[in-house]
Amino acid sequence: DAAGRTYHINELMNRRITPAQTGYSFYFGTEELKTREANGEFICELYRGLLGREPDTSGKENWMKRIYKDMSREALFHAFAASAEFRAVEKQMGF
């Protein structure tokens, strides 16, 4: 919703939360949990939302294997947020 978006933008701009914390609240907030999509779409959303790009085929396939084998969605989120690619995005954003 608009109020939630404004809140998160203000928190980011005032450096009270990090981009990863913002992403976590979007992906695992109460509203999001009510509208859970398929694993493939969740992975695509992580690529778009955290890395700012569409997933490459091999990357998406790798994460799909992991999510069905041994990785929770939360662990997957943290793997994206800890990646060098995401750190570069944060740096580009001034964090």
PDB file of N, CA and C in Angstrom:
ATOM      1  N   ASP A   1       0.832  -1.185   0.000  1.00  0.00           N
ATOM      2  CA  ASP A   1       0.000   0.000   0.000  1.00  0.00           C
ATOM      3  C   ASP A   1       0.874   1.244   0.000  1.00  0.00           C
ATOM      4  N   ALA A   2       0.297   2.376  -0.328  1.00  0.00           N
ATOM      5  CA  ALA A   2       1.055   3.623  -0.463  1.00  0.00           C
ATOM      6  C   ALA A   2       1.690   4.064   0.847  1.00  0.00           C
ATOM      7  N   ALA A   3       0.971   3.927   1.941  1.00  0.00           N
ATOM      8  CA  ALA A   3       1.514   4.341   3.243  1.00  0.00           C
ATOM      9  C   ALA A   3       2.719   3.482   3.624  1.00  0.00           C
ATOM     10  N   GLY A   4       2.629   2.189   3.393  1.00  0.00           N
ATOM     11  CA  GLY A   4       3.743   1.297   3.698  1.00  0.00           C
ATOM     12  C   GLY A   4       4.958   1.592   2.848  1.00  0.00           C
ATOM     13  N   ARG A   5       4.707   1.870   1.590  1.00  0.00           N
ATOM     14  CA  ARG A   5       5.813   2.210   0.691  1.00  0.00           C
ATOM     15  C   ARG A   5       6.498   3.494   1.136  1.00  0.00           C
ATOM     16  N   THR A   6       5.707   4.509   1.471  1.00  0.00           N
ATOM     17  CA  THR A   6       6.261   5.777   1.939  1.00  0.00           C
ATOM     18  C   THR A   6       7.072   5.580   3.210  1.00  0.00           C
ATOM     19  N   TYR A   7       6.544   4.773   4.119  1.00  0.00           N
ATOM     20  CA  TYR A   7       7.256   4.485   5.371  1.00  0.00           C
ATOM     21  C   TYR A   7       8.629   3.880   5.082  1.00  0.00           C
ATOM     22  N   HIS A   8       8.667   2.855   4.231  1.00  0.00           N
ATOM     23  CA  HIS A   8       9.933   2.188   3.946  1.00  0.00           C
ATOM     24  C   HIS A   8      10.917   3.113   3.224  1.00  0.00           C
ATOM     25  N   ILE A   9      10.431   3.927   2.326  1.00  0.00           N
ATOM     26  CA  ILE A   9      11.309   4.874   1.631  1.00  0.00           C
ATOM     27  C   ILE A   9      11.908   5.856   2.632  1.00  0.00           C
ATOM     28  N   ASN A  10      11.081   6.381   3.524  1.00  0.00           N
ATOM     29  CA  ASN A  10      11.586   7.312   4.530  1.00  0.00           C
ATOM     30  C   ASN A  10      12.606   6.657   5.454  1.00  0.00           C
ATOM     31  N   GLU A  11      12.323   5.421   5.868  1.00  0.00           N
ATOM     32  CA  GLU A  11      13.259   4.704   6.743  1.00  0.00           C
ATOM     33  C   GLU A  11      14.590   4.475   6.032  1.00  0.00           C
ATOM     34  N   LEU A  12      14.534   4.124   4.754  1.00  0.00           N
ATOM     35  CA  LEU A  12      15.759   3.944   3.978  1.00  0.00           C
ATOM     36  C   LEU A  12      16.525   5.257   3.827  1.00  0.00           C
ATOM     37  N   MET A  13      15.822   6.294   3.434  1.00  0.00           N
ATOM     38  CA  MET A  13      16.466   7.582   3.196  1.00  0.00           C
ATOM     39  C   MET A  13      17.106   8.142   4.455  1.00  0.00           C
ATOM     40  N   ASN A  14      16.529   7.855   5.602  1.00  0.00           N
ATOM     41  CA  ASN A  14      17.064   8.330   6.879  1.00  0.00           C
ATOM     42  C   ASN A  14      18.025   7.337   7.514  1.00  0.00           C
ATOM     43  N   ARG A  15      18.348   6.276   6.761  1.00  0.00           N
ATOM     44  CA  ARG A  15      19.322   5.259   7.183  1.00  0.00           C
ATOM     45  C   ARG A  15      18.951   4.553   8.489  1.00  0.00           C
ATOM     46  N   ARG A  16      17.651   4.412   8.725  1.00  0.00           N
ATOM     47  CA  ARG A  16      17.204   3.676   9.913  1.00  0.00           C
ATOM     48  C   ARG A  16      17.058   2.187   9.630  1.00  0.00           C
ATOM     49  N   ILE A  17      16.986   1.830   8.342  1.00  0.00           N
ATOM     50  CA  ILE A  17      16.959   0.427   7.934  1.00  0.00           C
ATOM     51  C   ILE A  17      17.825   0.278   6.686  1.00  0.00           C
ATOM     52  N   THR A  18      18.246  -0.925   6.425  1.00  0.00           N
ATOM     53  CA  THR A  18      19.071  -1.204   5.240  1.00  0.00           C
ATOM     54  C   THR A  18      18.194  -1.690   4.099  1.00  0.00           C
ATOM     55  N   PRO A  19      18.722  -1.696   2.881  1.00  0.00           N
ATOM     56  CA  PRO A  19      17.953  -2.267   1.773  1.00  0.00           C
ATOM     57  C   PRO A  19      17.565  -3.732   2.024  1.00  0.00           C
ATOM     58  N   ALA A  20      18.453  -4.505   2.630  1.00  0.00           N
ATOM     59  CA  ALA A  20      18.131  -5.907   2.913  1.00  0.00           C
ATOM     60  C   ALA A  20      16.988  -6.010   3.920  1.00  0.00           C
ATOM     61  N   GLN A  21      16.981  -5.173   4.934  1.00  0.00           N
ATOM     62  CA  GLN A  21      15.882  -5.187   5.912  1.00  0.00           C
ATOM     63  C   GLN A  21      14.563  -4.808   5.252  1.00  0.00           C
ATOM     64  N   THR A  22      14.623  -3.851   4.352  1.00  0.00           N
ATOM     65  CA  THR A  22      13.421  -3.450   3.630  1.00  0.00           C
ATOM     66  C   THR A  22      12.899  -4.606   2.789  1.00  0.00           C
ATOM     67  N   GLY A  23      13.789  -5.243   2.052  1.00  0.00           N
ATOM     68  CA  GLY A  23      13.394  -6.387   1.237  1.00  0.00           C
ATOM     69  C   GLY A  23      12.799  -7.499   2.074  1.00  0.00           C
ATOM     70  N   TYR A  24      13.416  -7.777   3.199  1.00  0.00           N
ATOM     71  CA  TYR A  24      12.921  -8.838   4.079  1.00  0.00           C
ATOM     72  C   TYR A  24      11.488  -8.547   4.512  1.00  0.00           C
ATOM     73  N   SER A  25      11.224  -7.311   4.884  1.00  0.00           N
ATOM     74  CA  SER A  25       9.869  -6.972   5.333  1.00  0.00           C
ATOM     75  C   SER A  25       8.851  -7.108   4.200  1.00  0.00           C
ATOM     76  N   PHE A  26       9.270  -6.831   2.967  1.00  0.00           N
ATOM     77  CA  PHE A  26       8.360  -7.009   1.835  1.00  0.00           C
ATOM     78  C   PHE A  26       8.102  -8.481   1.545  1.00  0.00           C
ATOM     79  N   TYR A  27       9.152  -9.288   1.563  1.00  0.00           N
ATOM     80  CA  TYR A  27       9.006 -10.704   1.209  1.00  0.00           C
ATOM     81  C   TYR A  27       8.421 -11.562   2.314  1.00  0.00           C
ATOM     82  N   PHE A  28       8.568 -11.130   3.558  1.00  0.00           N
ATOM     83  CA  PHE A  28       8.109 -11.961   4.666  1.00  0.00           C
ATOM     84  C   PHE A  28       7.141 -11.249   5.593  1.00  0.00           C
ATOM     85  N   GLY A  29       6.628 -10.098   5.164  1.00  0.00           N
ATOM     86  CA  GLY A  29       5.630  -9.377   5.934  1.00  0.00           C
ATOM     87  C   GLY A  29       4.295 -10.104   5.918  1.00  0.00           C
ATOM     88  N   THR A  30       3.433  -9.711   6.800  1.00  0.00           N
ATOM     89  CA  THR A  30       2.130 -10.357   6.959  1.00  0.00           C
ATOM     90  C   THR A  30       1.330 -10.376   5.666  1.00  0.00           C
ATOM     91  N   GLU A  31       1.272  -9.256   4.967  1.00  0.00           N
ATOM     92  CA  GLU A  31       0.491  -9.201   3.730  1.00  0.00           C
ATOM     93  C   GLU A  31       1.048 -10.153   2.679  1.00  0.00           C
ATOM     94  N   GLU A  32       2.367 -10.197   2.566  1.00  0.00           N
ATOM     95  CA  GLU A  32       2.991 -11.064   1.567  1.00  0.00           C
ATOM     96  C   GLU A  32       2.717 -12.524   1.881  1.00  0.00           C
ATOM     97  N   LEU A  33       2.743 -12.894   3.128  1.00  0.00           N
ATOM     98  CA  LEU A  33       2.518 -14.293   3.490  1.00  0.00           C
ATOM     99  C   LEU A  33       1.111 -14.753   3.122  1.00  0.00           C
ATOM    100  N   LYS A  34       0.180 -13.815   3.028  1.00  0.00           N
ATOM    101  CA  LYS A  34      -1.197 -14.159   2.662  1.00  0.00           C
ATOM    102  C   LYS A  34      -1.342 -14.437   1.166  1.00  0.00           C
ATOM    103  N   THR A  35      -0.411 -13.952   0.365  1.00  0.00           N
ATOM    104  CA  THR A  35      -0.513 -14.088  -1.095  1.00  0.00           C
ATOM    105  C   THR A  35       0.722 -14.786  -1.653  1.00  0.00           C
ATOM    106  N   ARG A  36       1.071 -15.907  -1.108  1.00  0.00           N
ATOM    107  CA  ARG A  36       2.278 -16.650  -1.488  1.00  0.00           C
ATOM    108  C   ARG A  36       2.174 -17.208  -2.898  1.00  0.00           C
ATOM    109  N   GLU A  37       3.178 -16.940  -3.714  1.00  0.00           N
ATOM    110  CA  GLU A  37       3.202 -17.440  -5.075  1.00  0.00           C
ATOM    111  C   GLU A  37       4.051 -18.705  -5.159  1.00  0.00           C
ATOM    112  N   ALA A  38       4.129 -19.271  -6.331  1.00  0.00           N
ATOM    113  CA  ALA A  38       4.930 -20.466  -6.572  1.00  0.00           C
ATOM    114  C   ALA A  38       6.417 -20.165  -6.373  1.00  0.00           C
ATOM    115  N   ASN A  39       7.188 -21.195  -6.108  1.00  0.00           N
ATOM    116  CA  ASN A  39       8.622 -21.018  -5.857  1.00  0.00           C
ATOM    117  C   ASN A  39       9.340 -20.330  -7.008  1.00  0.00           C
ATOM    118  N   GLY A  40       9.006 -20.699  -8.242  1.00  0.00           N
ATOM    119  CA  GLY A  40       9.663 -20.079  -9.392  1.00  0.00           C
ATOM    120  C   GLY A  40       9.424 -18.583  -9.450  1.00  0.00           C
ATOM    121  N   GLU A  41       8.207 -18.173  -9.181  1.00  0.00           N
ATOM    122  CA  GLU A  41       7.906 -16.736  -9.185  1.00  0.00           C
ATOM    123  C   GLU A  41       8.582 -16.037  -8.015  1.00  0.00           C
ATOM    124  N   PHE A  42       8.644 -16.687  -6.874  1.00  0.00           N
ATOM    125  CA  PHE A  42       9.332 -16.111  -5.713  1.00  0.00           C
ATOM    126  C   PHE A  42      10.800 -15.845  -6.060  1.00  0.00           C
ATOM    127  N   ILE A  43      11.443 -16.800  -6.708  1.00  0.00           N
ATOM    128  CA  ILE A  43      12.843 -16.632  -7.116  1.00  0.00           C
ATOM    129  C   ILE A  43      12.978 -15.471  -8.100  1.00  0.00           C
ATOM    130  N   CYS A  44      12.081 -15.391  -9.064  1.00  0.00           N
ATOM    131  CA  CYS A  44      12.103 -14.272 -10.022  1.00  0.00           C
ATOM    132  C   CYS A  44      11.930 -12.940  -9.303  1.00  0.00           C
ATOM    133  N   GLU A  45      11.060 -12.905  -8.301  1.00  0.00           N
ATOM    134  CA  GLU A  45      10.858 -11.671  -7.536  1.00  0.00           C
ATOM    135  C   GLU A  45      12.115 -11.271  -6.778  1.00  0.00           C
ATOM    136  N   LEU A  46      12.850 -12.243  -6.242  1.00  0.00           N
ATOM    137  CA  LEU A  46      14.110 -11.919  -5.571  1.00  0.00           C
ATOM    138  C   LEU A  46      15.103 -11.314  -6.554  1.00  0.00           C
ATOM    139  N   TYR A  47      15.214 -11.889  -7.734  1.00  0.00           N
ATOM    140  CA  TYR A  47      16.107 -11.322  -8.745  1.00  0.00           C
ATOM    141  C   TYR A  47      15.702  -9.887  -9.071  1.00  0.00           C
ATOM    142  N   ARG A  48      14.417  -9.688  -9.321  1.00  0.00           N
ATOM    143  CA  ARG A  48      13.946  -8.348  -9.701  1.00  0.00           C
ATOM    144  C   ARG A  48      14.074  -7.362  -8.548  1.00  0.00           C
ATOM    145  N   GLY A  49      13.601  -7.765  -7.375  1.00  0.00           N
ATOM    146  CA  GLY A  49      13.546  -6.849  -6.242  1.00  0.00           C
ATOM    147  C   GLY A  49      14.887  -6.553  -5.597  1.00  0.00           C
ATOM    148  N   LEU A  50      15.755  -7.553  -5.517  1.00  0.00           N
ATOM    149  CA  LEU A  50      17.030  -7.347  -4.842  1.00  0.00           C
ATOM    150  C   LEU A  50      18.181  -7.050  -5.799  1.00  0.00           C
ATOM    151  N   LEU A  51      18.163  -7.656  -6.964  1.00  0.00           N
ATOM    152  CA  LEU A  51      19.271  -7.474  -7.896  1.00  0.00           C
ATOM    153  C   LEU A  51      18.939  -6.549  -9.055  1.00  0.00           C
ATOM    154  N   GLY A  52      17.650  -6.243  -9.221  1.00  0.00           N
ATOM    155  CA  GLY A  52      17.244  -5.305 -10.259  1.00  0.00           C
ATOM    156  C   GLY A  52      17.344  -5.860 -11.665  1.00  0.00           C
ATOM    157  N   ARG A  53      17.187  -7.171 -11.797  1.00  0.00           N
ATOM    158  CA  ARG A  53      17.285  -7.773 -13.133  1.00  0.00           C
ATOM    159  C   ARG A  53      16.460  -9.053 -13.189  1.00  0.00           C
ATOM    160  N   GLU A  54      16.275  -9.526 -14.402  1.00  0.00           N
ATOM    161  CA  GLU A  54      15.609 -10.810 -14.597  1.00  0.00           C
ATOM    162  C   GLU A  54      16.604 -11.928 -14.306  1.00  0.00           C
ATOM    163  N   PRO A  55      16.128 -13.066 -13.867  1.00  0.00           N
ATOM    164  CA  PRO A  55      17.059 -14.164 -13.598  1.00  0.00           C
ATOM    165  C   PRO A  55      17.623 -14.761 -14.882  1.00  0.00           C
ATOM    166  N   ASP A  56      18.882 -15.189 -14.800  1.00  0.00           N
ATOM    167  CA  ASP A  56      19.438 -15.963 -15.901  1.00  0.00           C
ATOM    168  C   ASP A  56      18.946 -17.399 -15.724  1.00  0.00           C
ATOM    169  N   THR A  57      18.874 -18.145 -16.803  1.00  0.00           N
ATOM    170  CA  THR A  57      18.300 -19.491 -16.772  1.00  0.00           C
ATOM    171  C   THR A  57      19.030 -20.401 -15.799  1.00  0.00           C
ATOM    172  N   SER A  58      20.347 -20.441 -15.863  1.00  0.00           N
ATOM    173  CA  SER A  58      21.088 -21.359 -14.994  1.00  0.00           C
ATOM    174  C   SER A  58      20.970 -20.950 -13.524  1.00  0.00           C
ATOM    175  N   GLY A  59      20.971 -19.665 -13.248  1.00  0.00           N
ATOM    176  CA  GLY A  59      20.816 -19.205 -11.874  1.00  0.00           C
ATOM    177  C   GLY A  59      19.470 -19.586 -11.296  1.00  0.00           C
ATOM    178  N   LYS A  60      18.416 -19.372 -12.070  1.00  0.00           N
ATOM    179  CA  LYS A  60      17.082 -19.726 -11.603  1.00  0.00           C
ATOM    180  C   LYS A  60      16.969 -21.230 -11.381  1.00  0.00           C
ATOM    181  N   GLU A  61      17.511 -22.012 -12.308  1.00  0.00           N
ATOM    182  CA  GLU A  61      17.462 -23.469 -12.160  1.00  0.00           C
ATOM    183  C   GLU A  61      18.193 -23.917 -10.900  1.00  0.00           C
ATOM    184  N   ASN A  62      19.340 -23.310 -10.625  1.00  0.00           N
ATOM    185  CA  ASN A  62      20.105 -23.645  -9.432  1.00  0.00           C
ATOM    186  C   ASN A  62      19.293 -23.378  -8.161  1.00  0.00           C
ATOM    187  N   TRP A  63      18.687 -22.196  -8.089  1.00  0.00           N
ATOM    188  CA  TRP A  63      17.901 -21.860  -6.900  1.00  0.00           C
ATOM    189  C   TRP A  63      16.658 -22.731  -6.791  1.00  0.00           C
ATOM    190  N   MET A  64      16.071 -23.100  -7.920  1.00  0.00           N
ATOM    191  CA  MET A  64      14.906 -23.993  -7.884  1.00  0.00           C
ATOM    192  C   MET A  64      15.295 -25.347  -7.292  1.00  0.00           C
ATOM    193  N   LYS A  65      16.441 -25.868  -7.703  1.00  0.00           N
ATOM    194  CA  LYS A  65      16.904 -27.139  -7.142  1.00  0.00           C
ATOM    195  C   LYS A  65      17.112 -27.016  -5.638  1.00  0.00           C
ATOM    196  N   ARG A  66      17.732 -25.919  -5.223  1.00  0.00           N
ATOM    197  CA  ARG A  66      18.024 -25.731  -3.801  1.00  0.00           C
ATOM    198  C   ARG A  66      16.747 -25.590  -2.971  1.00  0.00           C
ATOM    199  N   ILE A  67      15.782 -24.851  -3.486  1.00  0.00           N
ATOM    200  CA  ILE A  67      14.569 -24.621  -2.705  1.00  0.00           C
ATOM    201  C   ILE A  67      13.751 -25.912  -2.545  1.00  0.00           C
ATOM    202  N   TYR A  68      13.851 -26.795  -3.526  1.00  0.00           N
ATOM    203  CA  TYR A  68      13.140 -28.076  -3.411  1.00  0.00           C
ATOM    204  C   TYR A  68      13.954 -29.123  -2.654  1.00  0.00           C
ATOM    205  N   LYS A  69      15.256 -28.907  -2.559  1.00  0.00           N
ATOM    206  CA  LYS A  69      16.109 -29.899  -1.909  1.00  0.00           C
ATOM    207  C   LYS A  69      16.372 -29.575  -0.440  1.00  0.00           C
ATOM    208  N   ASP A  70      16.941 -28.402  -0.161  1.00  0.00           N
ATOM    209  CA  ASP A  70      17.430 -28.163   1.196  1.00  0.00           C
ATOM    210  C   ASP A  70      17.397 -26.714   1.673  1.00  0.00           C
ATOM    211  N   MET A  71      16.719 -25.836   0.976  1.00  0.00           N
ATOM    212  CA  MET A  71      16.789 -24.424   1.339  1.00  0.00           C
ATOM    213  C   MET A  71      15.392 -23.833   1.487  1.00  0.00           C
ATOM    214  N   SER A  72      15.164 -23.159   2.591  1.00  0.00           N
ATOM    215  CA  SER A  72      13.886 -22.478   2.797  1.00  0.00           C
ATOM    216  C   SER A  72      13.876 -21.171   2.013  1.00  0.00           C
ATOM    217  N   ARG A  73      12.707 -20.592   1.864  1.00  0.00           N
ATOM    218  CA  ARG A  73      12.620 -19.288   1.192  1.00  0.00           C
ATOM    219  C   ARG A  73      13.376 -18.224   1.972  1.00  0.00           C
ATOM    220  N   GLU A  74      13.319 -18.304   3.269  1.00  0.00           N
ATOM    221  CA  GLU A  74      14.029 -17.321   4.089  1.00  0.00           C
ATOM    222  C   GLU A  74      15.542 -17.449   3.885  1.00  0.00           C
ATOM    223  N   ALA A  75      16.045 -18.670   3.857  1.00  0.00           N
ATOM    224  CA  ALA A  75      17.472 -18.884   3.613  1.00  0.00           C
ATOM    225  C   ALA A  75      17.853 -18.413   2.215  1.00  0.00           C
ATOM    226  N   LEU A  76      16.979 -18.630   1.260  1.00  0.00           N
ATOM    227  CA  LEU A  76      17.216 -18.163  -0.102  1.00  0.00           C
ATOM    228  C   LEU A  76      17.309 -16.641  -0.138  1.00  0.00           C
ATOM    229  N   PHE A  77      16.389 -15.973   0.543  1.00  0.00           N
ATOM    230  CA  PHE A  77      16.438 -14.512   0.622  1.00  0.00           C
ATOM    231  C   PHE A  77      17.787 -14.060   1.187  1.00  0.00           C
ATOM    232  N   HIS A  78      18.206 -14.675   2.293  1.00  0.00           N
ATOM    233  CA  HIS A  78      19.470 -14.280   2.932  1.00  0.00           C
ATOM    234  C   HIS A  78      20.670 -14.552   2.026  1.00  0.00           C
ATOM    235  N   ALA A  79      20.616 -15.600   1.216  1.00  0.00           N
ATOM    236  CA  ALA A  79      21.690 -15.873   0.263  1.00  0.00           C
ATOM    237  C   ALA A  79      21.771 -14.761  -0.787  1.00  0.00           C
ATOM    238  N   PHE A  80      20.630 -14.333  -1.288  1.00  0.00           N
ATOM    239  CA  PHE A  80      20.611 -13.208  -2.241  1.00  0.00           C
ATOM    240  C   PHE A  80      21.143 -11.944  -1.574  1.00  0.00           C
ATOM    241  N   ALA A  81      20.675 -11.656  -0.360  1.00  0.00           N
ATOM    242  CA  ALA A  81      21.061 -10.425   0.341  1.00  0.00           C
ATOM    243  C   ALA A  81      22.542 -10.417   0.719  1.00  0.00           C
ATOM    244  N   ALA A  82      23.155 -11.574   0.847  1.00  0.00           N
ATOM    245  CA  ALA A  82      24.576 -11.667   1.199  1.00  0.00           C
ATOM    246  C   ALA A  82      25.479 -11.729  -0.028  1.00  0.00           C
ATOM    247  N   SER A  83      24.883 -11.758  -1.214  1.00  0.00           N
ATOM    248  CA  SER A  83      25.682 -11.919  -2.432  1.00  0.00           C
ATOM    249  C   SER A  83      26.460 -10.653  -2.784  1.00  0.00           C
ATOM    250  N   ALA A  84      27.557 -10.854  -3.491  1.00  0.00           N
ATOM    251  CA  ALA A  84      28.360  -9.724  -3.965  1.00  0.00           C
ATOM    252  C   ALA A  84      27.540  -8.839  -4.897  1.00  0.00           C
ATOM    253  N   GLU A  85      26.671  -9.457  -5.680  1.00  0.00           N
ATOM    254  CA  GLU A  85      25.837  -8.678  -6.604  1.00  0.00           C
ATOM    255  C   GLU A  85      24.902  -7.740  -5.847  1.00  0.00           C
ATOM    256  N   PHE A  86      24.301  -8.229  -4.751  1.00  0.00           N
ATOM    257  CA  PHE A  86      23.415  -7.360  -3.974  1.00  0.00           C
ATOM    258  C   PHE A  86      24.222  -6.273  -3.261  1.00  0.00           C
ATOM    259  N   ARG A  87      25.402  -6.611  -2.755  1.00  0.00           N
ATOM    260  CA  ARG A  87      26.236  -5.590  -2.111  1.00  0.00           C
ATOM    261  C   ARG A  87      26.585  -4.481  -3.107  1.00  0.00           C
ATOM    262  N   ALA A  88      26.792  -4.855  -4.369  1.00  0.00           N
ATOM    263  CA  ALA A  88      27.067  -3.848  -5.403  1.00  0.00           C
ATOM    264  C   ALA A  88      25.854  -2.961  -5.633  1.00  0.00           C
ATOM    265  N   VAL A  89      24.657  -3.561  -5.591  1.00  0.00           N
ATOM    266  CA  VAL A  89      23.420  -2.782  -5.737  1.00  0.00           C
ATOM    267  C   VAL A  89      23.296  -1.805  -4.569  1.00  0.00           C
ATOM    268  N   GLU A  90      23.539  -2.287  -3.347  1.00  0.00           N
ATOM    269  CA  GLU A  90      23.485  -1.407  -2.170  1.00  0.00           C
ATOM    270  C   GLU A  90      24.476  -0.263  -2.301  1.00  0.00           C
ATOM    271  N   LYS A  91      25.670  -0.562  -2.743  1.00  0.00           N
ATOM    272  CA  LYS A  91      26.698   0.469  -2.906  1.00  0.00           C
ATOM    273  C   LYS A  91      26.248   1.500  -3.925  1.00  0.00           C
ATOM    274  N   GLN A  92      25.660   1.025  -5.025  1.00  0.00           N
ATOM    275  CA  GLN A  92      25.166   1.937  -6.055  1.00  0.00           C
ATOM    276  C   GLN A  92      24.071   2.842  -5.506  1.00  0.00           C
ATOM    277  N   MET A  93      23.301   2.321  -4.515  1.00  0.00           N
ATOM    278  CA  MET A  93      22.235   3.096  -3.883  1.00  0.00           C
ATOM    279  C   MET A  93      22.784   4.042  -2.816  1.00  0.00           C
ATOM    280  N   GLY A  94      24.066   3.951  -2.513  1.00  0.00           N
ATOM    281  CA  GLY A  94      24.673   4.818  -1.522  1.00  0.00           C
ATOM    282  C   GLY A  94      24.700   4.238  -0.119  1.00  0.00           C
ATOM    283  N   PHE A  95      24.559   2.922  -0.001  1.00  0.00           N
ATOM    284  CA  PHE A  95      24.588   2.276   1.310  1.00  0.00           C
ATOM    285  C   PHE A  95      25.906   1.564   1.516  1.00  0.00           C
TER     286      PHE A  95
END
